[in-house]
Amino acid sequence: MILYTLEEGTFLVKLSREVVTRYLSMAKDAPRPSPPSSRLNAPSGVFVTINSISNGERSLRGCIGYPLPVMPLIEATTDAAISASTNDPRFSPIQPEELKEVVFEVSVLTPPVLLRPKSPSEYPRLIKVGRDGLMVERGYYKGLLLPQVPVEFGWDAEAFLAECCMKAALPPDAWLTKGTKIYSFHAEIFAEESPEGPIAAKSLV
């Protein structure tokens, strides 16, 4: 797993806020600063999460990304940030005045790895909450949950599997059914501590 520096993570989080701010205000694209590392130009999966802050409580406002390394990390982050702010079907588009009330979080993903247990009942043993994200795939149905999600909700490995199946529009016990594929991945997470505030690497364990 590539360990990104705080400088690299800070660049990605600030980039996310900047491109969303400019997009929502319909401003022209401005020249972007050079990335602190050429690694940010390498293909990588990434998700951008936007959380609302109200009375000290966080609530999801948008989250979209790319599970697979299909484009350079900077480009994927830019596209995911705009989509998270305007195209998450669970929420209405973010309005410009909301930007002072939200925090941006960037999760850089490792490529998903297919888990191969001897039997489906062994899946929970292969999964570590706080380390692994999951992707469920069965035919055309796919669902993904980032590593921070089960930590935030207090799920164990079995609940994590069930919730990921439901995210894929499958029954919660679909992970026990032959033909369902379960992938795991890791994520390095960088997030604003407050709206437009300091940025830190996020530890889940």
C-alpha atoms as a PDB file:
ATOM      1  CA  MET A   1       0.000   0.000   0.000  1.00  0.00           C
ATOM      2  CA  ILE A   2       1.372   3.413  -0.973  1.00  0.00           C
ATOM      3  CA  LEU A   3       1.502   5.758   1.980  1.00  0.00           C
ATOM      4  CA  TYR A   4       0.716   9.279   0.846  1.00  0.00           C
ATOM      5  CA  THR A   5       2.197  12.168   2.783  1.00  0.00           C
ATOM      6  CA  LEU A   6       0.109  14.735   4.623  1.00  0.00           C
ATOM      7  CA  GLU A   7       1.290  17.271   2.050  1.00  0.00           C
ATOM      8  CA  GLU A   8      -0.114  15.131  -0.767  1.00  0.00           C
ATOM      9  CA  GLY A   9      -3.368  14.518   1.088  1.00  0.00           C
ATOM     10  CA  THR A  10      -3.735  18.202   1.886  1.00  0.00           C
ATOM     11  CA  PHE A  11      -3.286  19.025  -1.783  1.00  0.00           C
ATOM     12  CA  LEU A  12      -6.109  16.634  -2.754  1.00  0.00           C
ATOM     13  CA  VAL A  13      -8.535  17.936  -0.110  1.00  0.00           C
ATOM     14  CA  LYS A  14      -7.848  21.570  -1.000  1.00  0.00           C
ATOM     15  CA  LEU A  15      -8.200  20.700  -4.679  1.00  0.00           C
ATOM     16  CA  SER A  16     -11.613  19.166  -3.977  1.00  0.00           C
ATOM     17  CA  ARG A  17     -12.897  22.261  -2.203  1.00  0.00           C
ATOM     18  CA  GLU A  18     -11.418  24.595  -4.804  1.00  0.00           C
ATOM     19  CA  VAL A  19     -12.920  22.857  -7.848  1.00  0.00           C
ATOM     20  CA  VAL A  20     -16.346  22.576  -6.195  1.00  0.00           C
ATOM     21  CA  THR A  21     -16.274  26.237  -5.153  1.00  0.00           C
ATOM     22  CA  ARG A  22     -15.410  27.326  -8.669  1.00  0.00           C
ATOM     23  CA  TYR A  23     -17.920  24.950 -10.264  1.00  0.00           C
ATOM     24  CA  LEU A  24     -20.813  26.084  -8.069  1.00  0.00           C
ATOM     25  CA  SER A  25     -20.009  29.747  -8.664  1.00  0.00           C
ATOM     26  CA  MET A  26     -19.644  29.069 -12.418  1.00  0.00           C
ATOM     27  CA  ALA A  27     -16.202  30.675 -12.315  1.00  0.00           C
ATOM     28  CA  LYS A  28     -13.689  29.953 -15.029  1.00  0.00           C
ATOM     29  CA  ASP A  29     -11.102  27.311 -14.302  1.00  0.00           C
ATOM     30  CA  ALA A  30      -7.972  28.778 -12.784  1.00  0.00           C
ATOM     31  CA  PRO A  31      -4.450  27.407 -13.242  1.00  0.00           C
ATOM     32  CA  ARG A  32      -3.891  24.762 -10.603  1.00  0.00           C
ATOM     33  CA  PRO A  33      -0.765  24.644  -8.465  1.00  0.00           C
ATOM     34  CA  SER A  34       1.711  21.933  -9.268  1.00  0.00           C
ATOM     35  CA  PRO A  35       1.150  18.781  -7.227  1.00  0.00           C
ATOM     36  CA  PRO A  36       3.723  18.091  -4.519  1.00  0.00           C
ATOM     37  CA  SER A  37       4.455  14.668  -6.003  1.00  0.00           C
ATOM     38  CA  SER A  38       4.306  12.975  -9.385  1.00  0.00           C
ATOM     39  CA  ARG A  39       2.487  10.107  -7.650  1.00  0.00           C
ATOM     40  CA  LEU A  40      -0.672  12.211  -7.724  1.00  0.00           C
ATOM     41  CA  ASN A  41      -0.619  11.927 -11.511  1.00  0.00           C
ATOM     42  CA  ALA A  42      -0.632   8.123 -11.377  1.00  0.00           C
ATOM     43  CA  PRO A  43      -3.963   6.274 -11.792  1.00  0.00           C
ATOM     44  CA  SER A  44      -5.763   5.523  -8.532  1.00  0.00           C
ATOM     45  CA  GLY A  45      -9.198   4.884  -7.160  1.00  0.00           C
ATOM     46  CA  VAL A  46     -10.551   7.693  -5.002  1.00  0.00           C
ATOM     47  CA  PHE A  47     -13.742   8.832  -3.279  1.00  0.00           C
ATOM     48  CA  VAL A  48     -14.637  12.348  -2.191  1.00  0.00           C
ATOM     49  CA  THR A  49     -16.994  12.644   0.765  1.00  0.00           C
ATOM     50  CA  ILE A  50     -18.721  15.880   1.767  1.00  0.00           C
ATOM     51  CA  ASN A  51     -20.193  16.108   5.284  1.00  0.00           C
ATOM     52  CA  SER A  52     -22.414  18.836   6.695  1.00  0.00           C
ATOM     53  CA  ILE A  53     -21.533  20.228  10.118  1.00  0.00           C
ATOM     54  CA  SER A  54     -24.382  21.334  12.377  1.00  0.00           C
ATOM     55  CA  ASN A  55     -24.135  21.825  16.144  1.00  0.00           C
ATOM     56  CA  GLY A  56     -20.934  19.803  16.114  1.00  0.00           C
ATOM     57  CA  GLU A  57     -22.598  16.839  14.418  1.00  0.00           C
ATOM     58  CA  ARG A  58     -21.608  15.524  10.993  1.00  0.00           C
ATOM     59  CA  SER A  59     -24.050  14.198   8.421  1.00  0.00           C
ATOM     60  CA  LEU A  60     -23.385  12.936   4.922  1.00  0.00           C
ATOM     61  CA  ARG A  61     -24.043  15.483   2.174  1.00  0.00           C
ATOM     62  CA  GLY A  62     -22.522  13.667  -0.799  1.00  0.00           C
ATOM     63  CA  CYS A  63     -20.070  10.887  -1.633  1.00  0.00           C
ATOM     64  CA  ILE A  64     -19.002   9.707  -5.083  1.00  0.00           C
ATOM     65  CA  GLY A  65     -15.811   8.268  -6.493  1.00  0.00           C
ATOM     66  CA  TYR A  66     -13.959   5.746  -8.578  1.00  0.00           C
ATOM     67  CA  PRO A  67     -13.309   2.286  -7.082  1.00  0.00           C
ATOM     68  CA  LEU A  68     -10.738   1.410  -9.739  1.00  0.00           C
ATOM     69  CA  PRO A  69      -7.598   3.238 -10.953  1.00  0.00           C
ATOM     70  CA  VAL A  70      -9.099   4.330 -14.270  1.00  0.00           C
ATOM     71  CA  MET A  71      -7.562   7.817 -14.472  1.00  0.00           C
ATOM     72  CA  PRO A  72      -4.849   9.943 -12.859  1.00  0.00           C
ATOM     73  CA  LEU A  73      -5.545  10.592  -9.178  1.00  0.00           C
ATOM     74  CA  ILE A  74      -5.772  14.369  -9.612  1.00  0.00           C
ATOM     75  CA  GLU A  75      -8.308  14.035 -12.427  1.00  0.00           C
ATOM     76  CA  ALA A  76     -10.317  11.413 -10.575  1.00  0.00           C
ATOM     77  CA  THR A  77     -10.390  13.586  -7.444  1.00  0.00           C
ATOM     78  CA  THR A  78     -11.540  16.614  -9.422  1.00  0.00           C
ATOM     79  CA  ASP A  79     -14.337  14.700 -11.118  1.00  0.00           C
ATOM     80  CA  ALA A  80     -15.422  12.919  -7.930  1.00  0.00           C
ATOM     81  CA  ALA A  81     -15.554  16.194  -5.978  1.00  0.00           C
ATOM     82  CA  ILE A  82     -17.850  17.860  -8.499  1.00  0.00           C
ATOM     83  CA  SER A  83     -20.050  14.766  -8.726  1.00  0.00           C
ATOM     84  CA  ALA A  84     -20.266  14.428  -4.923  1.00  0.00           C
ATOM     85  CA  SER A  85     -21.457  18.024  -4.666  1.00  0.00           C
ATOM     86  CA  THR A  86     -23.969  17.944  -7.510  1.00  0.00           C
ATOM     87  CA  ASN A  87     -24.793  14.417  -8.690  1.00  0.00           C
ATOM     88  CA  ASP A  88     -25.207  12.181  -5.647  1.00  0.00           C
ATOM     89  CA  PRO A  89     -28.757  10.861  -6.234  1.00  0.00           C
ATOM     90  CA  ARG A  90     -29.423  10.684  -2.489  1.00  0.00           C
ATOM     91  CA  PHE A  91     -29.171  14.451  -2.054  1.00  0.00           C
ATOM     92  CA  SER A  92     -30.064  17.706  -3.736  1.00  0.00           C
ATOM     93  CA  PRO A  93     -27.098  19.607  -5.233  1.00  0.00           C
ATOM     94  CA  ILE A  94     -25.037  21.589  -2.758  1.00  0.00           C
ATOM     95  CA  GLN A  95     -25.623  25.332  -2.886  1.00  0.00           C
ATOM     96  CA  PRO A  96     -22.713  27.822  -2.809  1.00  0.00           C
ATOM     97  CA  GLU A  97     -23.739  29.187   0.582  1.00  0.00           C
ATOM     98  CA  GLU A  98     -23.422  25.694   2.089  1.00  0.00           C
ATOM     99  CA  LEU A  99     -19.689  25.514   1.460  1.00  0.00           C
ATOM    100  CA  LYS A 100     -18.939  27.277   4.749  1.00  0.00           C
ATOM    101  CA  GLU A 101     -20.896  24.543   6.556  1.00  0.00           C
ATOM    102  CA  VAL A 102     -19.343  21.409   5.050  1.00  0.00           C
ATOM    103  CA  VAL A 103     -16.057  19.541   5.324  1.00  0.00           C
ATOM    104  CA  PHE A 104     -14.302  17.702   2.510  1.00  0.00           C
ATOM    105  CA  GLU A 105     -12.759  14.257   2.865  1.00  0.00           C
ATOM    106  CA  VAL A 106     -10.667  12.388   0.281  1.00  0.00           C
ATOM    107  CA  SER A 107     -10.150   8.618   0.440  1.00  0.00           C
ATOM    108  CA  VAL A 108      -7.405   7.295  -1.843  1.00  0.00           C
ATOM    109  CA  LEU A 109      -8.002   3.609  -2.536  1.00  0.00           C
ATOM    110  CA  THR A 110      -5.827   0.616  -3.203  1.00  0.00           C
ATOM    111  CA  PRO A 111      -7.036  -1.633  -6.056  1.00  0.00           C
ATOM    112  CA  PRO A 112      -9.768  -4.049  -4.856  1.00  0.00           C
ATOM    113  CA  VAL A 113      -8.626  -7.628  -4.205  1.00  0.00           C
ATOM    114  CA  LEU A 114     -11.011 -10.558  -4.639  1.00  0.00           C
ATOM    115  CA  LEU A 115     -11.411 -12.510  -1.396  1.00  0.00           C
ATOM    116  CA  ARG A 116     -11.228 -16.281  -1.861  1.00  0.00           C
ATOM    117  CA  PRO A 117     -12.465 -18.100   1.266  1.00  0.00           C
ATOM    118  CA  LYS A 118     -12.925 -21.864   1.271  1.00  0.00           C
ATOM    119  CA  SER A 119     -16.587 -21.230   2.025  1.00  0.00           C
ATOM    120  CA  PRO A 120     -18.675 -18.014   2.191  1.00  0.00           C
ATOM    121  CA  SER A 121     -19.100 -18.429   5.949  1.00  0.00           C
ATOM    122  CA  GLU A 122     -15.405 -17.574   6.309  1.00  0.00           C
ATOM    123  CA  TYR A 123     -15.776 -14.045   4.860  1.00  0.00           C
ATOM    124  CA  PRO A 124     -16.126 -12.299   8.261  1.00  0.00           C
ATOM    125  CA  ARG A 125     -12.815 -13.824   9.368  1.00  0.00           C
ATOM    126  CA  LEU A 126     -11.053 -12.287   6.352  1.00  0.00           C
ATOM    127  CA  ILE A 127     -12.355  -8.785   7.009  1.00  0.00           C
ATOM    128  CA  LYS A 128     -10.965  -6.345   9.567  1.00  0.00           C
ATOM    129  CA  VAL A 129     -13.239  -3.440  10.439  1.00  0.00           C
ATOM    130  CA  GLY A 130     -11.274  -0.187  10.391  1.00  0.00           C
ATOM    131  CA  ARG A 131      -8.809  -1.503   7.838  1.00  0.00           C
ATOM    132  CA  ASP A 132     -10.876  -2.838   4.949  1.00  0.00           C
ATOM    133  CA  GLY A 133     -13.392  -1.333   2.606  1.00  0.00           C
ATOM    134  CA  LEU A 134     -15.700  -3.738   0.769  1.00  0.00           C
ATOM    135  CA  MET A 135     -17.110  -4.083  -2.707  1.00  0.00           C
ATOM    136  CA  VAL A 136     -19.856  -6.616  -3.464  1.00  0.00           C
ATOM    137  CA  GLU A 137     -20.525  -7.783  -7.001  1.00  0.00           C
ATOM    138  CA  ARG A 138     -23.168 -10.164  -8.315  1.00  0.00           C
ATOM    139  CA  GLY A 139     -23.953  -9.931 -12.008  1.00  0.00           C
ATOM    140  CA  TYR A 140     -24.916  -6.349 -12.766  1.00  0.00           C
ATOM    141  CA  TYR A 141     -25.346  -5.517  -9.080  1.00  0.00           C
ATOM    142  CA  LYS A 142     -22.480  -3.746  -7.362  1.00  0.00           C
ATOM    143  CA  GLY A 143     -22.090  -1.949  -4.060  1.00  0.00           C
ATOM    144  CA  LEU A 144     -19.176  -0.351  -2.226  1.00  0.00           C
ATOM    145  CA  LEU A 145     -18.649   0.919   1.293  1.00  0.00           C
ATOM    146  CA  LEU A 146     -15.512   2.753   2.412  1.00  0.00           C
ATOM    147  CA  PRO A 147     -13.511   1.534   5.458  1.00  0.00           C
ATOM    148  CA  GLN A 148     -14.712   4.438   7.600  1.00  0.00           C
ATOM    149  CA  VAL A 149     -18.396   3.505   7.246  1.00  0.00           C
ATOM    150  CA  PRO A 150     -18.536   0.450   9.567  1.00  0.00           C
ATOM    151  CA  VAL A 151     -16.446   2.315  12.135  1.00  0.00           C
ATOM    152  CA  GLU A 152     -18.858   5.262  12.116  1.00  0.00           C
ATOM    153  CA  PHE A 153     -21.884   2.971  12.547  1.00  0.00           C
ATOM    154  CA  GLY A 154     -20.307   0.452  14.916  1.00  0.00           C
ATOM    155  CA  TRP A 155     -20.803  -2.568  12.656  1.00  0.00           C
ATOM    156  CA  ASP A 156     -18.971  -5.857  13.011  1.00  0.00           C
ATOM    157  CA  ALA A 157     -17.723  -7.769   9.943  1.00  0.00           C
ATOM    158  CA  GLU A 158     -21.019  -9.608   9.365  1.00  0.00           C
ATOM    159  CA  ALA A 159     -23.073  -6.418   9.571  1.00  0.00           C
ATOM    160  CA  PHE A 160     -20.575  -4.751   7.236  1.00  0.00           C
ATOM    161  CA  LEU A 161     -21.056  -7.534   4.675  1.00  0.00           C
ATOM    162  CA  ALA A 162     -24.839  -7.343   4.977  1.00  0.00           C
ATOM    163  CA  GLU A 163     -24.915  -3.559   4.587  1.00  0.00           C
ATOM    164  CA  CYS A 164     -22.621  -3.723   1.561  1.00  0.00           C
ATOM    165  CA  CYS A 165     -24.922  -6.297  -0.046  1.00  0.00           C
ATOM    166  CA  MET A 166     -27.898  -4.002   0.511  1.00  0.00           C
ATOM    167  CA  LYS A 167     -25.897  -1.125  -0.974  1.00  0.00           C
ATOM    168  CA  ALA A 168     -25.694  -3.312  -4.100  1.00  0.00           C
ATOM    169  CA  ALA A 169     -29.504  -3.770  -3.996  1.00  0.00           C
ATOM    170  CA  LEU A 170     -29.040  -7.400  -2.970  1.00  0.00           C
ATOM    171  CA  PRO A 171     -30.482  -9.272   0.021  1.00  0.00           C
ATOM    172  CA  PRO A 172     -28.408  -8.759   3.185  1.00  0.00           C
ATOM    173  CA  ASP A 173     -27.330 -12.414   3.194  1.00  0.00           C
ATOM    174  CA  ALA A 174     -26.253 -12.427  -0.463  1.00  0.00           C
ATOM    175  CA  TRP A 175     -22.632 -12.696   0.660  1.00  0.00           C
ATOM    176  CA  LEU A 176     -23.408 -16.289   1.650  1.00  0.00           C
ATOM    177  CA  THR A 177     -24.707 -17.153  -1.811  1.00  0.00           C
ATOM    178  CA  LYS A 178     -22.503 -18.869  -4.368  1.00  0.00           C
ATOM    179  CA  GLY A 179     -21.630 -16.524  -7.222  1.00  0.00           C
ATOM    180  CA  THR A 180     -21.441 -13.365  -5.095  1.00  0.00           C
ATOM    181  CA  LYS A 181     -17.975 -11.823  -5.274  1.00  0.00           C
ATOM    182  CA  ILE A 182     -16.529  -9.896  -2.332  1.00  0.00           C
ATOM    183  CA  TYR A 183     -13.543  -7.596  -2.793  1.00  0.00           C
ATOM    184  CA  SER A 184     -11.605  -5.767  -0.106  1.00  0.00           C
ATOM    185  CA  PHE A 185      -9.460  -2.650  -0.377  1.00  0.00           C
ATOM    186  CA  HIS A 186      -7.698  -0.169   1.862  1.00  0.00           C
ATOM    187  CA  ALA A 187      -7.926   3.612   1.913  1.00  0.00           C
ATOM    188  CA  GLU A 188      -5.790   6.505   3.019  1.00  0.00           C
ATOM    189  CA  ILE A 189      -8.111   9.214   4.288  1.00  0.00           C
ATOM    190  CA  PHE A 190      -7.456  12.944   4.528  1.00  0.00           C
ATOM    191  CA  ALA A 191     -10.099  15.344   5.808  1.00  0.00           C
ATOM    192  CA  GLU A 192     -10.786  18.901   6.895  1.00  0.00           C
ATOM    193  CA  GLU A 193     -11.200  19.115  10.655  1.00  0.00           C
ATOM    194  CA  SER A 194     -13.617  22.032  10.200  1.00  0.00           C
ATOM    195  CA  PRO A 195     -15.008  23.894   7.176  1.00  0.00           C
ATOM    196  CA  GLU A 196     -12.010  25.366   5.341  1.00  0.00           C
ATOM    197  CA  GLY A 197      -9.959  24.408   8.405  1.00  0.00           C
ATOM    198  CA  PRO A 198      -6.830  22.323   9.031  1.00  0.00           C
ATOM    199  CA  ILE A 199      -6.464  19.036   7.145  1.00  0.00           C
ATOM    200  CA  ALA A 200      -5.325  15.828   8.835  1.00  0.00           C
ATOM    201  CA  ALA A 201      -4.800  12.178   8.009  1.00  0.00           C
ATOM    202  CA  LYS A 202      -7.710  10.195   9.451  1.00  0.00           C
ATOM    203  CA  SER A 203      -7.019   7.060  11.474  1.00  0.00           C
ATOM    204  CA  LEU A 204      -9.810   4.507  11.921  1.00  0.00           C
ATOM    205  CA  VAL A 205      -8.184   2.279  14.520  1.00  0.00           C
END
